[in-house]
Amino acid sequence: MKPMPPAIVPAKLADTKSQVRPGSSHAWVEIRAGGSAGLSAEVEVTPLGLVAVGALVSAILLSTGALIRLARPPR
């Protein structure tokens, strides 16, 4: 099996649409507030990464429910 190319490609150095690996999703957002403040974010995720994120979110939600149930006073 061939090694995969690097997952992170700086957006300013290359055309990101041509650098995205097949089978992965790519998203980019830039938010500006006023003239000097702003935020930009870029992410590339594979299907296996989405499964991992889903498992982590599920574990957090299930553990939160259990903690809330344990924190309630007994009836």
PDB file of N, CA and C in Angstrom:
ATOM      1  N   MET A   1       0.838  -1.169   0.000  1.00  0.00           N
ATOM      2  CA  MET A   1       0.000   0.000   0.000  1.00  0.00           C
ATOM      3  C   MET A   1       0.885   1.235   0.000  1.00  0.00           C
ATOM      4  N   LYS A   2       0.535   2.225  -0.829  1.00  0.00           N
ATOM      5  CA  LYS A   2       1.333   3.443  -0.915  1.00  0.00           C
ATOM      6  C   LYS A   2       1.097   4.325   0.305  1.00  0.00           C
ATOM      7  N   PRO A   3       2.129   5.045   0.770  1.00  0.00           N
ATOM      8  CA  PRO A   3       1.905   5.985   1.871  1.00  0.00           C
ATOM      9  C   PRO A   3       1.038   7.141   1.397  1.00  0.00           C
ATOM     10  N   MET A   4       0.183   7.634   2.297  1.00  0.00           N
ATOM     11  CA  MET A   4      -0.714   8.733   1.959  1.00  0.00           C
ATOM     12  C   MET A   4       0.037  10.054   2.040  1.00  0.00           C
ATOM     13  N   PRO A   5      -0.338  11.021   1.222  1.00  0.00           N
ATOM     14  CA  PRO A   5       0.292  12.338   1.306  1.00  0.00           C
ATOM     15  C   PRO A   5      -0.081  13.029   2.607  1.00  0.00           C
ATOM     16  N   PRO A   6       0.649  14.064   2.993  1.00  0.00           N
ATOM     17  CA  PRO A   6       0.331  14.766   4.239  1.00  0.00           C
ATOM     18  C   PRO A   6      -1.107  15.279   4.230  1.00  0.00           C
ATOM     19  N   ALA A   7      -1.758  15.215   5.391  1.00  0.00           N
ATOM     20  CA  ALA A   7      -3.162  15.623   5.498  1.00  0.00           C
ATOM     21  C   ALA A   7      -3.307  17.134   5.548  1.00  0.00           C
ATOM     22  N   ILE A   8      -2.299  17.833   6.053  1.00  0.00           N
ATOM     23  CA  ILE A   8      -2.409  19.278   6.222  1.00  0.00           C
ATOM     24  C   ILE A   8      -1.624  19.971   5.116  1.00  0.00           C
ATOM     25  N   VAL A   9      -2.318  20.775   4.329  1.00  0.00           N
ATOM     26  CA  VAL A   9      -1.690  21.549   3.270  1.00  0.00           C
ATOM     27  C   VAL A   9      -2.040  23.002   3.515  1.00  0.00           C
ATOM     28  N   PRO A  10      -1.067  23.881   3.739  1.00  0.00           N
ATOM     29  CA  PRO A  10      -1.374  25.291   3.977  1.00  0.00           C
ATOM     30  C   PRO A  10      -2.175  25.881   2.821  1.00  0.00           C
ATOM     31  N   ALA A  11      -3.279  26.544   3.144  1.00  0.00           N
ATOM     32  CA  ALA A  11      -4.179  27.081   2.126  1.00  0.00           C
ATOM     33  C   ALA A  11      -3.507  28.172   1.299  1.00  0.00           C
ATOM     34  N   LYS A  12      -2.597  28.904   1.893  1.00  0.00           N
ATOM     35  CA  LYS A  12      -1.978  30.018   1.173  1.00  0.00           C
ATOM     36  C   LYS A  12      -0.869  29.540   0.240  1.00  0.00           C
ATOM     37  N   LEU A  13      -0.408  28.305   0.400  1.00  0.00           N
ATOM     38  CA  LEU A  13       0.677  27.805  -0.431  1.00  0.00           C
ATOM     39  C   LEU A  13       0.190  26.989  -1.616  1.00  0.00           C
ATOM     40  N   ALA A  14      -1.037  26.515  -1.571  1.00  0.00           N
ATOM     41  CA  ALA A  14      -1.536  25.659  -2.650  1.00  0.00           C
ATOM     42  C   ALA A  14      -3.034  25.841  -2.814  1.00  0.00           C
ATOM     43  N   ASP A  15      -3.516  25.471  -3.976  1.00  0.00           N
ATOM     44  CA  ASP A  15      -4.953  25.455  -4.221  1.00  0.00           C
ATOM     45  C   ASP A  15      -5.525  24.274  -3.452  1.00  0.00           C
ATOM     46  N   THR A  16      -6.273  24.539  -2.377  1.00  0.00           N
ATOM     47  CA  THR A  16      -6.712  23.463  -1.483  1.00  0.00           C
ATOM     48  C   THR A  16      -7.669  22.494  -2.154  1.00  0.00           C
ATOM     49  N   LYS A  17      -8.433  22.934  -3.134  1.00  0.00           N
ATOM     50  CA  LYS A  17      -9.376  22.019  -3.775  1.00  0.00           C
ATOM     51  C   LYS A  17      -8.651  20.914  -4.531  1.00  0.00           C
ATOM     52  N   SER A  18      -7.472  21.202  -5.050  1.00  0.00           N
ATOM     53  CA  SER A  18      -6.732  20.172  -5.766  1.00  0.00           C
ATOM     54  C   SER A  18      -5.907  19.314  -4.820  1.00  0.00           C
ATOM     55  N   GLN A  19      -5.754  19.709  -3.564  1.00  0.00           N
ATOM     56  CA  GLN A  19      -4.926  18.981  -2.616  1.00  0.00           C
ATOM     57  C   GLN A  19      -5.715  18.060  -1.692  1.00  0.00           C
ATOM     58  N   VAL A  20      -7.033  18.087  -1.743  1.00  0.00           N
ATOM     59  CA  VAL A  20      -7.849  17.259  -0.852  1.00  0.00           C
ATOM     60  C   VAL A  20      -7.759  15.813  -1.309  1.00  0.00           C
ATOM     61  N   ARG A  21      -7.548  14.912  -0.356  1.00  0.00           N
ATOM     62  CA  ARG A  21      -7.443  13.487  -0.670  1.00  0.00           C
ATOM     63  C   ARG A  21      -8.793  12.924  -1.077  1.00  0.00           C
ATOM     64  N   PRO A  22      -8.807  11.964  -1.990  1.00  0.00           N
ATOM     65  CA  PRO A  22     -10.083  11.333  -2.360  1.00  0.00           C
ATOM     66  C   PRO A  22     -10.711  10.646  -1.150  1.00  0.00           C
ATOM     67  N   GLY A  23     -12.011  10.774  -1.000  1.00  0.00           N
ATOM     68  CA  GLY A  23     -12.714  10.143   0.109  1.00  0.00           C
ATOM     69  C   GLY A  23     -12.767  10.987   1.357  1.00  0.00           C
ATOM     70  N   SER A  24     -12.134  12.141   1.362  1.00  0.00           N
ATOM     71  CA  SER A  24     -12.169  12.998   2.549  1.00  0.00           C
ATOM     72  C   SER A  24     -13.013  14.235   2.264  1.00  0.00           C
ATOM     73  N   SER A  25     -13.458  14.874   3.325  1.00  0.00           N
ATOM     74  CA  SER A  25     -14.241  16.101   3.211  1.00  0.00           C
ATOM     75  C   SER A  25     -13.389  17.266   3.679  1.00  0.00           C
ATOM     76  N   HIS A  26     -13.581  18.403   3.061  1.00  0.00           N
ATOM     77  CA  HIS A  26     -12.784  19.582   3.365  1.00  0.00           C
ATOM     78  C   HIS A  26     -13.722  20.753   3.600  1.00  0.00           C
ATOM     79  N   ALA A  27     -13.479  21.518   4.653  1.00  0.00           N
ATOM     80  CA  ALA A  27     -14.300  22.697   4.944  1.00  0.00           C
ATOM     81  C   ALA A  27     -13.397  23.849   5.360  1.00  0.00           C
ATOM     82  N   TRP A  28     -13.801  25.050   5.007  1.00  0.00           N
ATOM     83  CA  TRP A  28     -13.051  26.250   5.343  1.00  0.00           C
ATOM     84  C   TRP A  28     -14.037  27.361   5.655  1.00  0.00           C
ATOM     85  N   VAL A  29     -13.782  28.123   6.710  1.00  0.00           N
ATOM     86  CA  VAL A  29     -14.660  29.234   7.074  1.00  0.00           C
ATOM     87  C   VAL A  29     -13.812  30.405   7.562  1.00  0.00           C
ATOM     88  N   GLU A  30     -14.276  31.595   7.248  1.00  0.00           N
ATOM     89  CA  GLU A  30     -13.614  32.813   7.736  1.00  0.00           C
ATOM     90  C   GLU A  30     -14.692  33.770   8.219  1.00  0.00           C
ATOM     91  N   ILE A  31     -14.546  34.240   9.452  1.00  0.00           N
ATOM     92  CA  ILE A  31     -15.518  35.156  10.054  1.00  0.00           C
ATOM     93  C   ILE A  31     -14.790  36.440  10.409  1.00  0.00           C
ATOM     94  N   ARG A  32     -15.325  37.564   9.986  1.00  0.00           N
ATOM     95  CA  ARG A  32     -14.747  38.864  10.299  1.00  0.00           C
ATOM     96  C   ARG A  32     -15.727  39.664  11.150  1.00  0.00           C
ATOM     97  N   ALA A  33     -15.203  40.313  12.183  1.00  0.00           N
ATOM     98  CA  ALA A  33     -16.007  41.189  13.038  1.00  0.00           C
ATOM     99  C   ALA A  33     -15.296  42.536  13.077  1.00  0.00           C
ATOM    100  N   GLY A  34     -15.836  43.492  12.357  1.00  0.00           N
ATOM    101  CA  GLY A  34     -15.171  44.785  12.297  1.00  0.00           C
ATOM    102  C   GLY A  34     -13.992  44.732  11.333  1.00  0.00           C
ATOM    103  N   GLY A  35     -13.079  45.670  11.480  1.00  0.00           N
ATOM    104  CA  GLY A  35     -11.948  45.738  10.568  1.00  0.00           C
ATOM    105  C   GLY A  35     -10.749  44.929  11.004  1.00  0.00           C
ATOM    106  N   SER A  36     -10.586  44.735  12.314  1.00  0.00           N
ATOM    107  CA  SER A  36      -9.338  44.106  12.763  1.00  0.00           C
ATOM    108  C   SER A  36      -9.511  42.723  13.382  1.00  0.00           C
ATOM    109  N   ALA A  37     -10.697  42.363  13.801  1.00  0.00           N
ATOM    110  CA  ALA A  37     -10.899  41.075  14.468  1.00  0.00           C
ATOM    111  C   ALA A  37     -11.460  40.060  13.477  1.00  0.00           C
ATOM    112  N   GLY A  38     -11.018  38.838  13.608  1.00  0.00           N
ATOM    113  CA  GLY A  38     -11.526  37.795  12.726  1.00  0.00           C
ATOM    114  C   GLY A  38     -11.068  36.424  13.161  1.00  0.00           C
ATOM    115  N   LEU A  39     -11.660  35.433  12.545  1.00  0.00           N
ATOM    116  CA  LEU A  39     -11.349  34.043  12.842  1.00  0.00           C
ATOM    117  C   LEU A  39     -11.425  33.259  11.545  1.00  0.00           C
ATOM    118  N   SER A  40     -10.458  32.399  11.321  1.00  0.00           N
ATOM    119  CA  SER A  40     -10.537  31.510  10.165  1.00  0.00           C
ATOM    120  C   SER A  40     -10.181  30.105  10.615  1.00  0.00           C
ATOM    121  N   ALA A  41     -10.857  29.121  10.025  1.00  0.00           N
ATOM    122  CA  ALA A  41     -10.622  27.723  10.378  1.00  0.00           C
ATOM    123  C   ALA A  41     -10.720  26.865   9.132  1.00  0.00           C
ATOM    124  N   GLU A  42      -9.937  25.801   9.101  1.00  0.00           N
ATOM    125  CA  GLU A  42      -9.939  24.874   7.983  1.00  0.00           C
ATOM    126  C   GLU A  42      -9.795  23.461   8.534  1.00  0.00           C
ATOM    127  N   VAL A  43     -10.550  22.526   7.969  1.00  0.00           N
ATOM    128  CA  VAL A  43     -10.492  21.149   8.449  1.00  0.00           C
ATOM    129  C   VAL A  43     -10.646  20.190   7.272  1.00  0.00           C
ATOM    130  N   GLU A  44      -9.942  19.081   7.355  1.00  0.00           N
ATOM    131  CA  GLU A  44     -10.106  17.981   6.410  1.00  0.00           C
ATOM    132  C   GLU A  44     -10.319  16.723   7.239  1.00  0.00           C
ATOM    133  N   VAL A  45     -11.384  16.004   6.948  1.00  0.00           N
ATOM    134  CA  VAL A  45     -11.715  14.828   7.749  1.00  0.00           C
ATOM    135  C   VAL A  45     -12.052  13.661   6.821  1.00  0.00           C
ATOM    136  N   THR A  46     -11.616  12.479   7.222  1.00  0.00           N
ATOM    137  CA  THR A  46     -11.904  11.263   6.467  1.00  0.00           C
ATOM    138  C   THR A  46     -13.131  10.577   7.063  1.00  0.00           C
ATOM    139  N   PRO A  47     -13.720   9.627   6.361  1.00  0.00           N
ATOM    140  CA  PRO A  47     -14.870   8.903   6.926  1.00  0.00           C
ATOM    141  C   PRO A  47     -14.549   8.225   8.262  1.00  0.00           C
ATOM    142  N   LEU A  48     -13.351   7.672   8.403  1.00  0.00           N
ATOM    143  CA  LEU A  48     -12.972   7.050   9.661  1.00  0.00           C
ATOM    144  C   LEU A  48     -12.879   8.106  10.773  1.00  0.00           C
ATOM    145  N   GLY A  49     -12.441   9.305  10.430  1.00  0.00           N
ATOM    146  CA  GLY A  49     -12.405  10.396  11.403  1.00  0.00           C
ATOM    147  C   GLY A  49     -13.799  10.787  11.866  1.00  0.00           C
ATOM    148  N   LEU A  50     -14.767  10.780  10.945  1.00  0.00           N
ATOM    149  CA  LEU A  50     -16.151  11.087  11.319  1.00  0.00           C
ATOM    150  C   LEU A  50     -16.707  10.040  12.271  1.00  0.00           C
ATOM    151  N   VAL A  51     -16.363   8.774  12.048  1.00  0.00           N
ATOM    152  CA  VAL A  51     -16.805   7.699  12.951  1.00  0.00           C
ATOM    153  C   VAL A  51     -16.197   7.917  14.340  1.00  0.00           C
ATOM    154  N   ALA A  52     -14.920   8.283  14.386  1.00  0.00           N
ATOM    155  CA  ALA A  52     -14.263   8.521  15.674  1.00  0.00           C
ATOM    156  C   ALA A  52     -14.896   9.695  16.413  1.00  0.00           C
ATOM    157  N   VAL A  53     -15.198  10.771  15.702  1.00  0.00           N
ATOM    158  CA  VAL A  53     -15.848  11.926  16.332  1.00  0.00           C
ATOM    159  C   VAL A  53     -17.230  11.536  16.843  1.00  0.00           C
ATOM    160  N   GLY A  54     -17.981  10.774  16.074  1.00  0.00           N
ATOM    161  CA  GLY A  54     -19.301  10.323  16.508  1.00  0.00           C
ATOM    162  C   GLY A  54     -19.228   9.465  17.761  1.00  0.00           C
ATOM    163  N   ALA A  55     -18.233   8.579  17.828  1.00  0.00           N
ATOM    164  CA  ALA A  55     -18.069   7.741  19.019  1.00  0.00           C
ATOM    165  C   ALA A  55     -17.725   8.585  20.241  1.00  0.00           C
ATOM    166  N   LEU A  56     -16.858   9.573  20.071  1.00  0.00           N
ATOM    167  CA  LEU A  56     -16.496  10.438  21.197  1.00  0.00           C
ATOM    168  C   LEU A  56     -17.684  11.262  21.683  1.00  0.00           C
ATOM    169  N   VAL A  57     -18.459  11.818  20.762  1.00  0.00           N
ATOM    170  CA  VAL A  57     -19.638  12.604  21.151  1.00  0.00           C
ATOM    171  C   VAL A  57     -20.654  11.712  21.863  1.00  0.00           C
ATOM    172  N   SER A  58     -20.856  10.502  21.362  1.00  0.00           N
ATOM    173  CA  SER A  58     -21.784   9.568  22.015  1.00  0.00           C
ATOM    174  C   SER A  58     -21.333   9.241  23.431  1.00  0.00           C
ATOM    175  N   ALA A  59     -20.049   8.992  23.599  1.00  0.00           N
ATOM    176  CA  ALA A  59     -19.527   8.679  24.932  1.00  0.00           C
ATOM    177  C   ALA A  59     -19.712   9.857  25.887  1.00  0.00           C
ATOM    178  N   ILE A  60     -19.487  11.060  25.404  1.00  0.00           N
ATOM    179  CA  ILE A  60     -19.662  12.250  26.258  1.00  0.00           C
ATOM    180  C   ILE A  60     -21.122  12.406  26.660  1.00  0.00           C
ATOM    181  N   LEU A  61     -22.036  12.254  25.704  1.00  0.00           N
ATOM    182  CA  LEU A  61     -23.461  12.417  26.024  1.00  0.00           C
ATOM    183  C   LEU A  61     -23.947  11.332  26.976  1.00  0.00           C
ATOM    184  N   LEU A  62     -23.523  10.098  26.772  1.00  0.00           N
ATOM    185  CA  LEU A  62     -23.941   9.022  27.671  1.00  0.00           C
ATOM    186  C   LEU A  62     -23.391   9.215  29.082  1.00  0.00           C
ATOM    187  N   SER A  63     -22.137   9.641  29.186  1.00  0.00           N
ATOM    188  CA  SER A  63     -21.569   9.847  30.521  1.00  0.00           C
ATOM    189  C   SER A  63     -22.193  11.051  31.219  1.00  0.00           C
ATOM    190  N   THR A  64     -22.562  12.082  30.461  1.00  0.00           N
ATOM    191  CA  THR A  64     -23.221  13.243  31.063  1.00  0.00           C
ATOM    192  C   THR A  64     -24.569  12.851  31.643  1.00  0.00           C
ATOM    193  N   GLY A  65     -25.320  12.046  30.917  1.00  0.00           N
ATOM    194  CA  GLY A  65     -26.613  11.573  31.426  1.00  0.00           C
ATOM    195  C   GLY A  65     -26.454  10.768  32.699  1.00  0.00           C
ATOM    196  N   ALA A  66     -25.439   9.911  32.751  1.00  0.00           N
ATOM    197  CA  ALA A  66     -25.201   9.110  33.956  1.00  0.00           C
ATOM    198  C   ALA A  66     -24.802   9.993  35.131  1.00  0.00           C
ATOM    199  N   LEU A  67     -23.977  11.002  34.895  1.00  0.00           N
ATOM    200  CA  LEU A  67     -23.564  11.911  35.984  1.00  0.00           C
ATOM    201  C   LEU A  67     -24.738  12.715  36.521  1.00  0.00           C
ATOM    202  N   ILE A  68     -25.607  13.165  35.637  1.00  0.00           N
ATOM    203  CA  ILE A  68     -26.786  13.923  36.082  1.00  0.00           C
ATOM    204  C   ILE A  68     -27.695  13.023  36.913  1.00  0.00           C
ATOM    205  N   ARG A  69     -27.887  11.780  36.487  1.00  0.00           N
ATOM    206  CA  ARG A  69     -28.725  10.841  37.232  1.00  0.00           C
ATOM    207  C   ARG A  69     -28.138  10.582  38.623  1.00  0.00           C
ATOM    208  N   LEU A  70     -26.818  10.463  38.712  1.00  0.00           N
ATOM    209  CA  LEU A  70     -26.171  10.202  40.000  1.00  0.00           C
ATOM    210  C   LEU A  70     -26.171  11.430  40.909  1.00  0.00           C
ATOM    211  N   ALA A  71     -26.198  12.625  40.333  1.00  0.00           N
ATOM    212  CA  ALA A  71     -26.139  13.840  41.123  1.00  0.00           C
ATOM    213  C   ALA A  71     -27.484  14.204  41.761  1.00  0.00           C
ATOM    214  N   ARG A  72     -28.570  13.655  41.250  1.00  0.00           N
ATOM    215  CA  ARG A  72     -29.888  13.949  41.803  1.00  0.00           C
ATOM    216  C   ARG A  72     -30.020  13.321  43.189  1.00  0.00           C
ATOM    217  N   PRO A  73     -30.721  13.998  44.086  1.00  0.00           N
ATOM    218  CA  PRO A  73     -30.932  13.391  45.401  1.00  0.00           C
ATOM    219  C   PRO A  73     -31.882  12.201  45.287  1.00  0.00           C
ATOM    220  N   PRO A  74     -31.703  11.215  46.150  1.00  0.00           N
ATOM    221  CA  PRO A  74     -32.600  10.047  46.110  1.00  0.00           C
ATOM    222  C   PRO A  74     -34.035  10.439  46.442  1.00  0.00           C
ATOM    223  N   ARG A  75     -34.991   9.733  45.868  1.00  0.00           N
ATOM    224  CA  ARG A  75     -36.409  10.058  46.121  1.00  0.00           C
ATOM    225  C   ARG A  75     -36.941   9.261  47.261  1.00  0.00           C
TER     226      ARG A  75
END
